[in-house]
C-alpha atoms as a PDB file:
ATOM      1  CA  MET A   1      -0.016   0.155  -0.111  1.00  0.00           C
ATOM      2  CA  ASP A   2       1.174   3.374  -0.989  1.00  0.00           C
ATOM      3  CA  GLN A   3       1.993   6.136   1.312  1.00  0.00           C
ATOM      4  CA  ASP A   4      -1.079   7.959   0.064  1.00  0.00           C
ATOM      5  CA  SER A   5      -3.457   5.606   0.180  1.00  0.00           C
ATOM      6  CA  HIS A   6      -2.156   4.821   4.024  1.00  0.00           C
ATOM      7  CA  CYS A   7      -3.169   8.252   4.861  1.00  0.00           C
ATOM      8  CA  THR A   8      -6.358   8.198   3.218  1.00  0.00           C
ATOM      9  CA  ALA A   9      -7.376   4.889   4.641  1.00  0.00           C
ATOM     10  CA  GLU A  10      -6.099   6.516   8.567  1.00  0.00           C
ATOM     11  CA  ARG A  11      -8.091   9.534   7.898  1.00  0.00           C
ATOM     12  CA  GLU A  12     -11.088   7.624   7.010  1.00  0.00           C
ATOM     13  CA  LEU A  13     -10.989   5.340  10.112  1.00  0.00           C
ATOM     14  CA  LEU A  14     -10.237   8.659  12.222  1.00  0.00           C
ATOM     15  CA  GLU A  15     -13.348  10.151  10.710  1.00  0.00           C
ATOM     16  CA  ALA A  16     -15.496   7.127  11.797  1.00  0.00           C
ATOM     17  CA  VAL A  17     -14.522   6.954  14.880  1.00  0.00           C
ATOM     18  CA  SER A  18     -15.465  10.596  15.461  1.00  0.00           C
ATOM     19  CA  ARG A  19     -19.007   9.821  13.944  1.00  0.00           C
ATOM     20  CA  ILE A  20     -19.112   6.957  16.327  1.00  0.00           C
ATOM     21  CA  THR A  21     -17.996   9.251  19.479  1.00  0.00           C
ATOM     22  CA  THR A  22     -20.680  12.262  17.971  1.00  0.00           C
ATOM     23  CA  PHE A  23     -23.097  10.161  18.097  1.00  0.00           C
ATOM     24  CA  SER A  24     -22.504   8.570  21.432  1.00  0.00           C
ATOM     25  CA  THR A  25     -22.322  11.616  23.181  1.00  0.00           C
ATOM     26  CA  THR A  26     -25.180  13.922  21.552  1.00  0.00           C
ATOM     27  CA  SER A  27     -27.906  10.756  20.974  1.00  0.00           C
ATOM     28  CA  PRO A  28     -31.315  11.362  22.718  1.00  0.00           C
ATOM     29  CA  SER A  29     -31.363  10.559  26.628  1.00  0.00           C
ATOM     30  CA  GLU A  30     -33.985   7.774  28.019  1.00  0.00           C
ATOM     31  CA  GLU A  31     -36.358  11.003  28.640  1.00  0.00           C
ATOM     32  CA  GLU A  32     -35.884  12.871  25.044  1.00  0.00           C
ATOM     33  CA  GLN A  33     -36.511   9.192  23.473  1.00  0.00           C
ATOM     34  CA  ASN A  34     -39.641   8.710  25.697  1.00  0.00           C
ATOM     35  CA  GLN A  35     -41.241  12.067  25.228  1.00  0.00           C
ATOM     36  CA  PRO A  36     -43.124  11.378  21.750  1.00  0.00           C
ATOM     37  CA  LYS A  37     -44.140   8.576  23.622  1.00  0.00           C
ATOM     38  CA  ALA A  38     -45.037  10.683  26.415  1.00  0.00           C
ATOM     39  CA  GLU A  39     -47.077  13.099  23.751  1.00  0.00           C
ATOM     40  CA  ILE A  40     -48.679  10.087  22.004  1.00  0.00           C
ATOM     41  CA  SER A  41     -50.249   8.824  25.212  1.00  0.00           C
ATOM     42  CA  CYS A  42     -51.452  12.025  26.047  1.00  0.00           C
ATOM     43  CA  GLN A  43     -53.150  12.199  22.938  1.00  0.00           C
ATOM     44  CA  VAL A  44     -54.880   8.634  23.434  1.00  0.00           C
ATOM     45  CA  ARG A  45     -55.868   9.678  26.413  1.00  0.00           C
ATOM     46  CA  LYS A  46     -57.827  12.973  25.472  1.00  0.00           C
ATOM     47  CA  GLU A  47     -59.423  10.544  22.321  1.00  0.00           C
ATOM     48  CA  ASN A  48     -60.301   7.562  24.491  1.00  0.00           C
ATOM     49  CA  PRO A  49     -61.627   9.868  27.814  1.00  0.00           C
ATOM     50  CA  GLU A  50     -63.198   5.983  29.406  1.00  0.00           C
ATOM     51  CA  LYS A  51     -59.399   4.809  30.122  1.00  0.00           C
ATOM     52  CA  ASP A  52     -58.796   8.017  32.920  1.00  0.00           C
ATOM     53  CA  ASP A  53     -60.601   5.934  35.701  1.00  0.00           C
ATOM     54  CA  LEU A  54     -57.197   3.693  35.025  1.00  0.00           C
ATOM     55  CA  GLN A  55     -54.895   6.206  34.389  1.00  0.00           C
ATOM     56  CA  ASP A  56     -56.294   8.625  37.179  1.00  0.00           C
ATOM     57  CA  SER A  57     -56.372   6.241  39.431  1.00  0.00           C
ATOM     58  CA  SER A  58     -52.515   4.255  38.926  1.00  0.00           C
ATOM     59  CA  ALA A  59     -51.447   8.008  39.051  1.00  0.00           C
ATOM     60  CA  SER A  60     -52.822   8.330  42.978  1.00  0.00           C
ATOM     61  CA  LEU A  61     -51.097   4.809  43.898  1.00  0.00           C
ATOM     62  CA  SER A  62     -47.630   4.901  45.371  1.00  0.00           C
ATOM     63  CA  PRO A  63     -46.397   1.361  46.324  1.00  0.00           C
ATOM     64  CA  ASN A  64     -44.840   1.394  49.879  1.00  0.00           C
ATOM     65  CA  SER A  65     -41.150   1.481  49.305  1.00  0.00           C
ATOM     66  CA  SER A  66     -40.640  -1.297  51.921  1.00  0.00           C
ATOM     67  CA  MET A  67     -42.682  -3.667  49.971  1.00  0.00           C
ATOM     68  CA  THR A  68     -40.625  -6.672  48.786  1.00  0.00           C
ATOM     69  CA  THR A  69     -40.405  -7.198  45.036  1.00  0.00           C
ATOM     70  CA  LYS A  70     -43.268 -10.865  45.433  1.00  0.00           C
ATOM     71  CA  GLU A  71     -45.524  -7.895  46.884  1.00  0.00           C
ATOM     72  CA  LEU A  72     -45.197  -5.465  44.329  1.00  0.00           C
ATOM     73  CA  GLN A  73     -45.792  -8.247  41.681  1.00  0.00           C
ATOM     74  CA  GLU A  74     -48.845  -9.179  43.691  1.00  0.00           C
ATOM     75  CA  TYR A  75     -50.439  -5.628  44.123  1.00  0.00           C
ATOM     76  CA  TRP A  76     -49.858  -4.169  40.969  1.00  0.00           C
ATOM     77  CA  ARG A  77     -51.193  -8.022  39.549  1.00  0.00           C
ATOM     78  CA  ASN A  78     -54.562  -6.745  41.641  1.00  0.00           C
ATOM     79  CA  GLU A  79     -54.403  -3.690  40.258  1.00  0.00           C
ATOM     80  CA  LYS A  80     -54.632  -4.469  36.672  1.00  0.00           C
ATOM     81  CA  CYS A  81     -57.265  -6.903  37.615  1.00  0.00           C
ATOM     82  CA  GLN A  82     -59.219  -4.357  39.472  1.00  0.00           C
ATOM     83  CA  TYR A  83     -59.274  -1.427  36.991  1.00  0.00           C
ATOM     84  CA  ARG A  84     -60.736  -3.454  33.827  1.00  0.00           C
ATOM     85  CA  GLN A  85     -62.791  -0.867  32.289  1.00  0.00           C
ATOM     86  CA  VAL A  86     -67.028  -1.681  33.474  1.00  0.00           C
ATOM     87  CA  LYS A  87     -69.700  -0.504  31.330  1.00  0.00           C
ATOM     88  CA  LEU A  88     -73.217  -0.574  33.490  1.00  0.00           C
ATOM     89  CA  LEU A  89     -76.588  -0.671  31.965  1.00  0.00           C
ATOM     90  CA  PHE A  90     -79.583   0.441  33.658  1.00  0.00           C
ATOM     91  CA  GLU A  91     -83.166  -1.040  33.061  1.00  0.00           C
ATOM     92  CA  ILE A  92     -86.495  -0.085  34.749  1.00  0.00           C
ATOM     93  CA  PRO A  93     -88.975  -2.835  33.777  1.00  0.00           C
ATOM     94  CA  SER A  94     -91.648  -2.447  36.717  1.00  0.00           C
ATOM     95  CA  THR A  95     -92.992  -0.423  38.957  1.00  0.00           C
ATOM     96  CA  ARG A  96     -95.044  -0.637  41.890  1.00  0.00           C
ATOM     97  CA  ILE A  97     -97.657   1.835  44.019  1.00  0.00           C
ATOM     98  CA  VAL A  98     -96.894   2.117  47.844  1.00  0.00           C
ATOM     99  CA  GLU A  99     -99.462   3.554  49.752  1.00  0.00           C
ATOM    100  CA  HIS A 100     -98.982   4.476  53.718  1.00  0.00           C
ATOM    101  CA  ARG A 101    -101.786   6.157  55.861  1.00  0.00           C
ATOM    102  CA  LEU A 102    -101.156   9.931  54.918  1.00  0.00           C
ATOM    103  CA  SER A 103     -99.177   9.470  51.667  1.00  0.00           C
ATOM    104  CA  LYS A 104     -99.011   7.410  48.525  1.00  0.00           C
ATOM    105  CA  TYR A 105     -95.762   6.949  45.678  1.00  0.00           C
ATOM    106  CA  VAL A 106     -94.303   4.744  43.279  1.00  0.00           C
ATOM    107  CA  MET A 107     -91.494   2.705  43.401  1.00  0.00           C
ATOM    108  CA  TYR A 108     -89.366   2.079  40.977  1.00  0.00           C
ATOM    109  CA  LYS A 109     -87.241  -0.873  40.110  1.00  0.00           C
ATOM    110  CA  ILE A 110     -83.728  -0.599  38.702  1.00  0.00           C
ATOM    111  CA  ILE A 111     -81.637  -3.148  37.221  1.00  0.00           C
ATOM    112  CA  ILE A 112     -78.141  -2.670  36.798  1.00  0.00           C
ATOM    113  CA  LEU A 113     -76.409  -4.847  34.432  1.00  0.00           C
ATOM    114  CA  GLN A 114     -72.555  -5.097  33.619  1.00  0.00           C
ATOM    115  CA  THR A 115     -72.476  -5.390  29.579  1.00  0.00           C
ATOM    116  CA  GLY A 116     -71.460  -9.330  28.592  1.00  0.00           C
ATOM    117  CA  SER A 117     -72.039 -10.461  32.068  1.00  0.00           C
ATOM    118  CA  PHE A 118     -74.470 -13.258  33.229  1.00  0.00           C
ATOM    119  CA  ASP A 119     -77.858 -12.430  35.336  1.00  0.00           C
ATOM    120  CA  SER A 120     -75.511 -13.035  38.153  1.00  0.00           C
ATOM    121  CA  ASN A 121     -73.924  -9.698  38.161  1.00  0.00           C
ATOM    122  CA  LYS A 122     -76.708  -7.903  38.014  1.00  0.00           C
ATOM    123  CA  SER A 123     -77.897  -5.417  40.773  1.00  0.00           C
ATOM    124  CA  VAL A 124     -81.787  -4.580  41.626  1.00  0.00           C
ATOM    125  CA  ILE A 125     -82.373  -0.863  43.555  1.00  0.00           C
ATOM    126  CA  GLU A 126     -85.622   0.590  44.223  1.00  0.00           C
ATOM    127  CA  ARG A 127     -86.333   4.124  44.248  1.00  0.00           C
ATOM    128  CA  ARG A 128     -89.273   6.228  44.086  1.00  0.00           C
ATOM    129  CA  TYR A 129     -89.473  10.067  42.349  1.00  0.00           C
ATOM    130  CA  SER A 130     -88.171  12.095  45.334  1.00  0.00           C
ATOM    131  CA  ASP A 131     -84.896   9.946  45.427  1.00  0.00           C
ATOM    132  CA  PHE A 132     -84.298  11.008  41.571  1.00  0.00           C
ATOM    133  CA  GLU A 133     -85.749  14.205  42.460  1.00  0.00           C
ATOM    134  CA  LYS A 134     -83.084  14.937  45.349  1.00  0.00           C
ATOM    135  CA  LEU A 135     -80.290  13.451  42.982  1.00  0.00           C
ATOM    136  CA  HIS A 136     -81.125  16.138  40.163  1.00  0.00           C
ATOM    137  CA  ARG A 137     -81.032  18.702  43.054  1.00  0.00           C
ATOM    138  CA  ASN A 138     -77.256  17.636  44.350  1.00  0.00           C
ATOM    139  CA  LEU A 139     -75.941  17.248  41.279  1.00  0.00           C
ATOM    140  CA  LEU A 140     -76.734  20.634  40.207  1.00  0.00           C
ATOM    141  CA  GLU A 141     -74.868  22.297  42.453  1.00  0.00           C
ATOM    142  CA  GLU A 142     -71.872  20.428  42.134  1.00  0.00           C
ATOM    143  CA  PHE A 143     -71.895  20.137  38.267  1.00  0.00           C
ATOM    144  CA  SER A 144     -73.941  23.051  37.350  1.00  0.00           C
ATOM    145  CA  GLU A 145     -72.289  22.850  33.205  1.00  0.00           C
ATOM    146  CA  GLU A 146     -72.398  19.232  33.192  1.00  0.00           C
ATOM    147  CA  MET A 147     -76.246  18.868  33.823  1.00  0.00           C
ATOM    148  CA  GLU A 148     -77.269  22.234  31.391  1.00  0.00           C
ATOM    149  CA  ASP A 149     -78.921  20.351  28.964  1.00  0.00           C
ATOM    150  CA  VAL A 150     -79.991  17.102  31.319  1.00  0.00           C
ATOM    151  CA  THR A 151     -83.914  17.286  31.421  1.00  0.00           C
ATOM    152  CA  PHE A 152     -85.651  15.608  34.596  1.00  0.00           C
ATOM    153  CA  PRO A 153     -89.355  14.467  34.333  1.00  0.00           C
ATOM    154  CA  LYS A 154     -91.447  17.254  36.281  1.00  0.00           C
ATOM    155  CA  LYS A 155     -94.205  16.663  38.610  1.00  0.00           C
ATOM    156  CA  THR A 156     -97.599  16.836  37.625  1.00  0.00           C
ATOM    157  CA  LEU A 157    -100.724  17.878  39.923  1.00  0.00           C
ATOM    158  CA  THR A 158    -102.661  15.180  38.884  1.00  0.00           C
ATOM    159  CA  GLY A 159    -102.382  11.936  36.890  1.00  0.00           C
ATOM    160  CA  ASN A 160     -99.316  10.593  38.761  1.00  0.00           C
ATOM    161  CA  PHE A 161    -100.459   6.777  39.516  1.00  0.00           C
ATOM    162  CA  THR A 162    -102.163   6.741  35.844  1.00  0.00           C
ATOM    163  CA  GLU A 163    -100.508   4.098  33.967  1.00  0.00           C
ATOM    164  CA  GLU A 164     -99.782   6.738  30.878  1.00  0.00           C
ATOM    165  CA  VAL A 165     -97.727   8.771  33.329  1.00  0.00           C
ATOM    166  CA  ILE A 166     -95.854   5.482  35.244  1.00  0.00           C
ATOM    167  CA  ASN A 167     -94.908   4.020  31.925  1.00  0.00           C
ATOM    168  CA  GLU A 168     -93.114   7.524  30.479  1.00  0.00           C
ATOM    169  CA  ARG A 169     -91.078   8.073  33.984  1.00  0.00           C
ATOM    170  CA  LYS A 170     -90.153   4.821  33.565  1.00  0.00           C
ATOM    171  CA  LEU A 171     -88.528   5.569  30.277  1.00  0.00           C
ATOM    172  CA  ALA A 172     -87.374   9.190  31.171  1.00  0.00           C
ATOM    173  CA  PHE A 173     -85.639   7.470  34.144  1.00  0.00           C
ATOM    174  CA  LYS A 174     -83.716   5.008  32.512  1.00  0.00           C
ATOM    175  CA  ASP A 175     -82.467   7.709  29.727  1.00  0.00           C
ATOM    176  CA  TYR A 176     -81.536   9.923  32.575  1.00  0.00           C
ATOM    177  CA  LEU A 177     -79.166   7.533  34.299  1.00  0.00           C
ATOM    178  CA  ARG A 178     -77.889   5.799  31.150  1.00  0.00           C
ATOM    179  CA  LEU A 179     -76.796   9.929  30.688  1.00  0.00           C
ATOM    180  CA  LEU A 180     -75.465  10.466  34.268  1.00  0.00           C
ATOM    181  CA  TYR A 181     -73.376   7.416  33.687  1.00  0.00           C
ATOM    182  CA  SER A 182     -72.013   8.512  30.426  1.00  0.00           C
ATOM    183  CA  MET A 183     -70.188  11.838  32.081  1.00  0.00           C
ATOM    184  CA  LYS A 184     -67.125  10.717  32.952  1.00  0.00           C
ATOM    185  CA  TYR A 185     -67.262  13.236  36.728  1.00  0.00           C
ATOM    186  CA  ILE A 186     -70.903  12.654  37.543  1.00  0.00           C
ATOM    187  CA  ARG A 187     -70.495   8.477  37.551  1.00  0.00           C
ATOM    188  CA  ARG A 188     -67.491   8.719  39.648  1.00  0.00           C
ATOM    189  CA  SER A 189     -69.018  11.465  42.022  1.00  0.00           C
ATOM    190  CA  LYS A 190     -69.986  10.209  45.410  1.00  0.00           C
ATOM    191  CA  LYS A 191     -73.630  12.032  45.132  1.00  0.00           C
ATOM    192  CA  PHE A 192     -74.083   9.231  42.181  1.00  0.00           C
ATOM    193  CA  ILE A 193     -72.783   6.515  43.854  1.00  0.00           C
ATOM    194  CA  ASP A 194     -74.580   7.276  47.161  1.00  0.00           C
ATOM    195  CA  PHE A 195     -77.535   7.776  45.073  1.00  0.00           C
ATOM    196  CA  LEU A 196     -77.376   3.751  44.257  1.00  0.00           C
ATOM    197  CA  THR A 197     -76.076   2.559  46.943  1.00  0.00           C
ATOM    198  CA  ARG A 198     -76.736   4.583  50.119  1.00  0.00           C
ATOM    199  CA  LEU A 199     -80.106   3.454  51.463  1.00  0.00           C
ATOM    200  CA  GLU A 200     -79.281  -0.298  50.935  1.00  0.00           C
ATOM    201  CA  LEU A 201     -75.939   0.415  53.249  1.00  0.00           C
ATOM    202  CA  GLN A 202     -77.671   2.591  55.892  1.00  0.00           C
ATOM    203  CA  GLU A 203     -80.395  -0.458  55.696  1.00  0.00           C
ATOM    204  CA  ALA A 204     -77.446  -3.325  56.253  1.00  0.00           C
ATOM    205  CA  TYR A 205     -75.182  -0.935  58.726  1.00  0.00           C
ATOM    206  CA  GLY A 206     -78.780  -0.554  61.038  1.00  0.00           C
ATOM    207  CA  CYS A 207     -79.555  -4.419  61.384  1.00  0.00           C
ATOM    208  CA  LEU A 208     -75.371  -4.389  62.153  1.00  0.00           C
ATOM    209  CA  ARG A 209     -75.926  -1.900  65.187  1.00  0.00           C
ATOM    210  CA  GLY A 210     -78.933  -4.415  66.254  1.00  0.00           C
ATOM    211  CA  GLY A 211     -77.088  -7.486  66.470  1.00  0.00           C
ATOM    212  CA  HIS A 212     -79.027  -9.095  63.322  1.00  0.00           C
ATOM    213  CA  TYR A 213     -76.153 -10.045  61.270  1.00  0.00           C
ATOM    214  CA  THR A 214     -78.051 -12.726  59.069  1.00  0.00           C
ATOM    215  CA  LYS A 215     -79.733  -9.851  57.485  1.00  0.00           C
ATOM    216  CA  ALA A 216     -77.124  -7.617  57.582  1.00  0.00           C
ATOM    217  CA  LEU A 217     -74.872  -9.846  55.644  1.00  0.00           C
ATOM    218  CA  GLU A 218     -77.102 -10.832  53.029  1.00  0.00           C
ATOM    219  CA  ILE A 219     -77.846  -6.754  52.646  1.00  0.00           C
ATOM    220  CA  LEU A 220     -74.035  -5.804  52.073  1.00  0.00           C
ATOM    221  CA  LEU A 221     -73.175  -9.065  49.794  1.00  0.00           C
ATOM    222  CA  GLU A 222     -75.708  -7.365  47.068  1.00  0.00           C
ATOM    223  CA  VAL A 223     -74.496  -3.919  47.562  1.00  0.00           C
ATOM    224  CA  ILE A 224     -70.727  -4.926  47.184  1.00  0.00           C
ATOM    225  CA  GLY A 225     -70.635  -6.554  44.068  1.00  0.00           C
ATOM    226  CA  LEU A 226     -72.341  -3.137  42.551  1.00  0.00           C
ATOM    227  CA  GLN A 227     -69.864  -0.838  44.482  1.00  0.00           C
ATOM    228  CA  GLU A 228     -67.208  -2.442  43.107  1.00  0.00           C
ATOM    229  CA  ARG A 229     -68.567  -1.772  39.538  1.00  0.00           C
ATOM    230  CA  LEU A 230     -69.060   1.631  40.618  1.00  0.00           C
ATOM    231  CA  THR A 231     -65.564   2.608  42.250  1.00  0.00           C
ATOM    232  CA  ARG A 232     -63.058   1.059  39.760  1.00  0.00           C
ATOM    233  CA  GLY A 233     -61.247   3.950  40.393  1.00  0.00           C
ATOM    234  CA  ASN A 234     -61.044   3.897  43.989  1.00  0.00           C
ATOM    235  CA  PRO A 235     -61.210   0.696  45.164  1.00  0.00           C
ATOM    236  CA  VAL A 236     -60.082   1.812  49.036  1.00  0.00           C
ATOM    237  CA  SER A 237     -63.892   3.415  49.053  1.00  0.00           C
ATOM    238  CA  ILE A 238     -64.865  -0.185  49.420  1.00  0.00           C
ATOM    239  CA  VAL A 239     -62.825  -1.161  52.427  1.00  0.00           C
ATOM    240  CA  PRO A 240     -65.910  -0.034  54.957  1.00  0.00           C
ATOM    241  CA  THR A 241     -68.277  -1.996  53.724  1.00  0.00           C
ATOM    242  CA  LEU A 242     -65.636  -5.098  53.211  1.00  0.00           C
ATOM    243  CA  CYS A 243     -64.919  -4.739  56.571  1.00  0.00           C
ATOM    244  CA  ALA A 244     -68.618  -4.824  57.596  1.00  0.00           C
ATOM    245  CA  ILE A 245     -69.123  -7.753  55.826  1.00  0.00           C
ATOM    246  CA  VAL A 246     -65.844  -9.085  57.801  1.00  0.00           C
ATOM    247  CA  VAL A 247     -67.603  -8.230  61.444  1.00  0.00           C
ATOM    248  CA  CYS A 248     -71.056 -10.240  60.730  1.00  0.00           C
ATOM    249  CA  HIS A 249     -69.439 -13.249  59.251  1.00  0.00           C
ATOM    250  CA  LYS A 250     -67.144 -13.430  62.283  1.00  0.00           C
ATOM    251  CA  ASP A 251     -70.275 -12.917  64.476  1.00  0.00           C
ATOM    252  CA  LEU A 252     -71.826 -15.879  62.800  1.00  0.00           C
ATOM    253  CA  GLU A 253     -69.021 -17.531  63.842  1.00  0.00           C
ATOM    254  CA  ASN A 254     -67.696 -18.010  60.331  1.00  0.00           C
ATOM    255  CA  PRO A 255     -64.044 -17.265  60.442  1.00  0.00           C
ATOM    256  CA  ALA A 256     -62.870 -18.714  57.137  1.00  0.00           C
ATOM    257  CA  SER A 257     -65.402 -16.417  55.234  1.00  0.00           C
ATOM    258  CA  ALA A 258     -64.225 -13.574  57.524  1.00  0.00           C
ATOM    259  CA  PHE A 259     -61.003 -13.778  56.603  1.00  0.00           C
ATOM    260  CA  GLU A 260     -61.643 -14.236  52.958  1.00  0.00           C
ATOM    261  CA  TYR A 261     -63.167 -10.947  53.040  1.00  0.00           C
ATOM    262  CA  GLY A 262     -60.815  -9.626  55.329  1.00  0.00           C
ATOM    263  CA  GLU A 263     -57.426 -10.210  52.748  1.00  0.00           C
ATOM    264  CA  LYS A 264     -59.762  -8.410  50.299  1.00  0.00           C
ATOM    265  CA  ALA A 265     -60.043  -5.259  52.612  1.00  0.00           C
ATOM    266  CA  LEU A 266     -56.392  -5.190  53.587  1.00  0.00           C
ATOM    267  CA  SER A 267     -55.255  -5.862  49.769  1.00  0.00           C
ATOM    268  CA  ARG A 268     -56.884  -2.491  49.069  1.00  0.00           C
ATOM    269  CA  LEU A 269     -55.138  -1.065  51.801  1.00  0.00           C
ATOM    270  CA  ARG A 270     -51.893  -2.141  51.013  1.00  0.00           C
ATOM    271  CA  VAL A 271     -50.491   1.096  50.195  1.00  0.00           C
ATOM    272  CA  HIS A 272     -52.646   3.348  52.661  1.00  0.00           C
ATOM    273  CA  THR A 273     -51.532   2.300  56.380  1.00  0.00           C
ATOM    274  CA  SER A 274     -53.214   5.536  57.293  1.00  0.00           C
ATOM    275  CA  HIS A 275     -56.663   4.397  56.768  1.00  0.00           C
ATOM    276  CA  ARG A 276     -58.719   4.777  60.113  1.00  0.00           C
ATOM    277  CA  TYR A 277     -59.554   0.691  58.988  1.00  0.00           C
ATOM    278  CA  TYR A 278     -55.814  -0.317  58.493  1.00  0.00           C
ATOM    279  CA  ILE A 279     -54.893  -1.330  62.349  1.00  0.00           C
ATOM    280  CA  PRO A 280     -58.569  -2.933  63.151  1.00  0.00           C
ATOM    281  CA  LEU A 281     -58.335  -4.473  60.491  1.00  0.00           C
ATOM    282  CA  LEU A 282     -54.924  -6.137  61.190  1.00  0.00           C
ATOM    283  CA  GLU A 283     -55.451  -7.242  64.510  1.00  0.00           C
ATOM    284  CA  THR A 284     -58.869  -9.011  63.398  1.00  0.00           C
ATOM    285  CA  MET A 285     -56.960 -10.859  60.683  1.00  0.00           C
ATOM    286  CA  ILE A 286     -54.435 -11.652  64.004  1.00  0.00           C
ATOM    287  CA  THR A 287     -57.257 -12.999  65.684  1.00  0.00           C
ATOM    288  CA  LEU A 288     -58.816 -14.672  62.429  1.00  0.00           C
ATOM    289  CA  ALA A 289     -55.771 -16.148  61.038  1.00  0.00           C
ATOM    290  CA  TYR A 290     -54.562 -17.676  64.962  1.00  0.00           C
ATOM    291  CA  GLU A 291     -58.162 -19.483  65.067  1.00  0.00           C
ATOM    292  CA  LEU A 292     -57.989 -21.144  61.926  1.00  0.00           C
ATOM    293  CA  GLY A 293     -54.185 -22.054  61.953  1.00  0.00           C
ATOM    294  CA  LYS A 294     -52.916 -20.067  59.068  1.00  0.00           C
ATOM    295  CA  ASP A 295     -49.849 -17.926  59.457  1.00  0.00           C
ATOM    296  CA  PHE A 296     -50.306 -14.622  61.560  1.00  0.00           C
ATOM    297  CA  LEU A 297     -46.843 -13.745  61.754  1.00  0.00           C
ATOM    298  CA  SER A 298     -46.308 -11.806  59.292  1.00  0.00           C
ATOM    299  CA  LEU A 299     -49.130  -9.459  60.061  1.00  0.00           C
ATOM    300  CA  GLN A 300     -48.141  -9.415  63.349  1.00  0.00           C
ATOM    301  CA  GLU A 301     -44.717  -7.832  62.202  1.00  0.00           C
ATOM    302  CA  LYS A 302     -47.214  -5.406  60.126  1.00  0.00           C
ATOM    303  CA  LEU A 303     -48.868  -4.406  62.712  1.00  0.00           C
ATOM    304  CA  GLU A 304     -45.749  -3.831  65.483  1.00  0.00           C
ATOM    305  CA  GLU A 305     -43.941  -2.070  62.389  1.00  0.00           C
ATOM    306  CA  TRP A 306     -46.623   0.232  62.141  1.00  0.00           C
ATOM    307  CA  LYS A 307     -46.810   0.857  65.562  1.00  0.00           C
ATOM    308  CA  ALA A 308     -43.416   1.602  65.773  1.00  0.00           C
ATOM    309  CA  LYS A 309     -43.567   4.386  63.354  1.00  0.00           C
ATOM    310  CA  LYS A 310     -46.679   6.386  64.948  1.00  0.00           C
ATOM    311  CA  ASP A 311     -47.670   7.600  68.062  1.00  0.00           C
ATOM    312  CA  PRO A 312     -49.794   5.788  70.441  1.00  0.00           C
ATOM    313  CA  ILE A 313     -53.198   6.997  69.388  1.00  0.00           C
ATOM    314  CA  ARG A 314     -56.486   4.868  70.699  1.00  0.00           C
ATOM    315  CA  VAL A 315     -57.593   2.529  67.958  1.00  0.00           C
ATOM    316  CA  PHE A 316     -61.044   1.848  67.365  1.00  0.00           C
ATOM    317  CA  THR A 317     -62.382  -2.118  66.946  1.00  0.00           C
ATOM    318  CA  LEU A 318     -63.225  -3.418  63.539  1.00  0.00           C
ATOM    319  CA  LYS A 319     -67.061  -4.093  65.102  1.00  0.00           C
ATOM    320  CA  GLU A 320     -66.990  -0.275  67.077  1.00  0.00           C
ATOM    321  CA  LEU A 321     -65.773   1.396  63.408  1.00  0.00           C
ATOM    322  CA  ALA A 322     -68.392  -0.683  61.697  1.00  0.00           C
ATOM    323  CA  VAL A 323     -71.077   0.352  63.928  1.00  0.00           C
ATOM    324  CA  ARG A 324     -70.481   3.873  63.515  1.00  0.00           C
ATOM    325  CA  GLU A 325     -70.849   4.026  59.617  1.00  0.00           C
ATOM    326  CA  TYR A 326     -74.134   5.616  58.425  1.00  0.00           C
ATOM    327  CA  VAL A 327     -75.085   6.865  61.983  1.00  0.00           C
ATOM    328  CA  GLN A 328     -77.712   9.469  60.904  1.00  0.00           C
END
């Protein structure tokens, strides 16, 4: 190889090395590489508002750094299952007229179905016109803009109990609920969820306070399925109901069932250890685990760890907390 060729080859090699060095030092960082993806993600979020429940709830979660890798994997696996999108349908197939000495009103039977599910997933409740009217007033106070074009069937001075008026209202209330549920902020609001669950929960907790655990449990088990479907983006909100079911099963001497629902409640509090139900639930679960011959040492360790971090304060028992719910 002559000298000129040797110099040319050496110069090309140096240029190649220089290009590689320049590329490696100026290549975008991982954060910059992900930037377009973030922009696409935001765009998809806007175009698919139904995914907001999952995204909002995931953003609010912050797993405890002290959790083991196995616990984290299990936690996120459960979260993914809980946040699958659920759509509900509302049907009002029938009514009944209730007459008391001083009052008379129509009760509308509302069936709430999960799309693509069997009848075993349906929930059945009853509401009267005044319940719908109260819901409408409450929503107008908080969601005036969203409710601007929502019509509500007006009262009539006469004919409220005729078949024609009742059938018209059945259709109107069905469309009304469907429209409310289609609006993200309303379907996730406490006022809307309370309309669909509060009356039954009040009855259940009244039975619990009166020691009628079988009846209370029957109602709570009916309500919990609907609560779970309505509050997918906020799983902690159903912890009180799950704990009330634990109390009922425990007092009915069904420790295995009590432990099963206790585990469900505890999984929702794994990253919410400051929740008022956390310590009473842990204490109850330790008792149940010991009774059932299950591992209670890990639960005991969590309890001791919490007590070491917090100032000693008075903690109610699980039953004491349950009987205080829905006290009017």
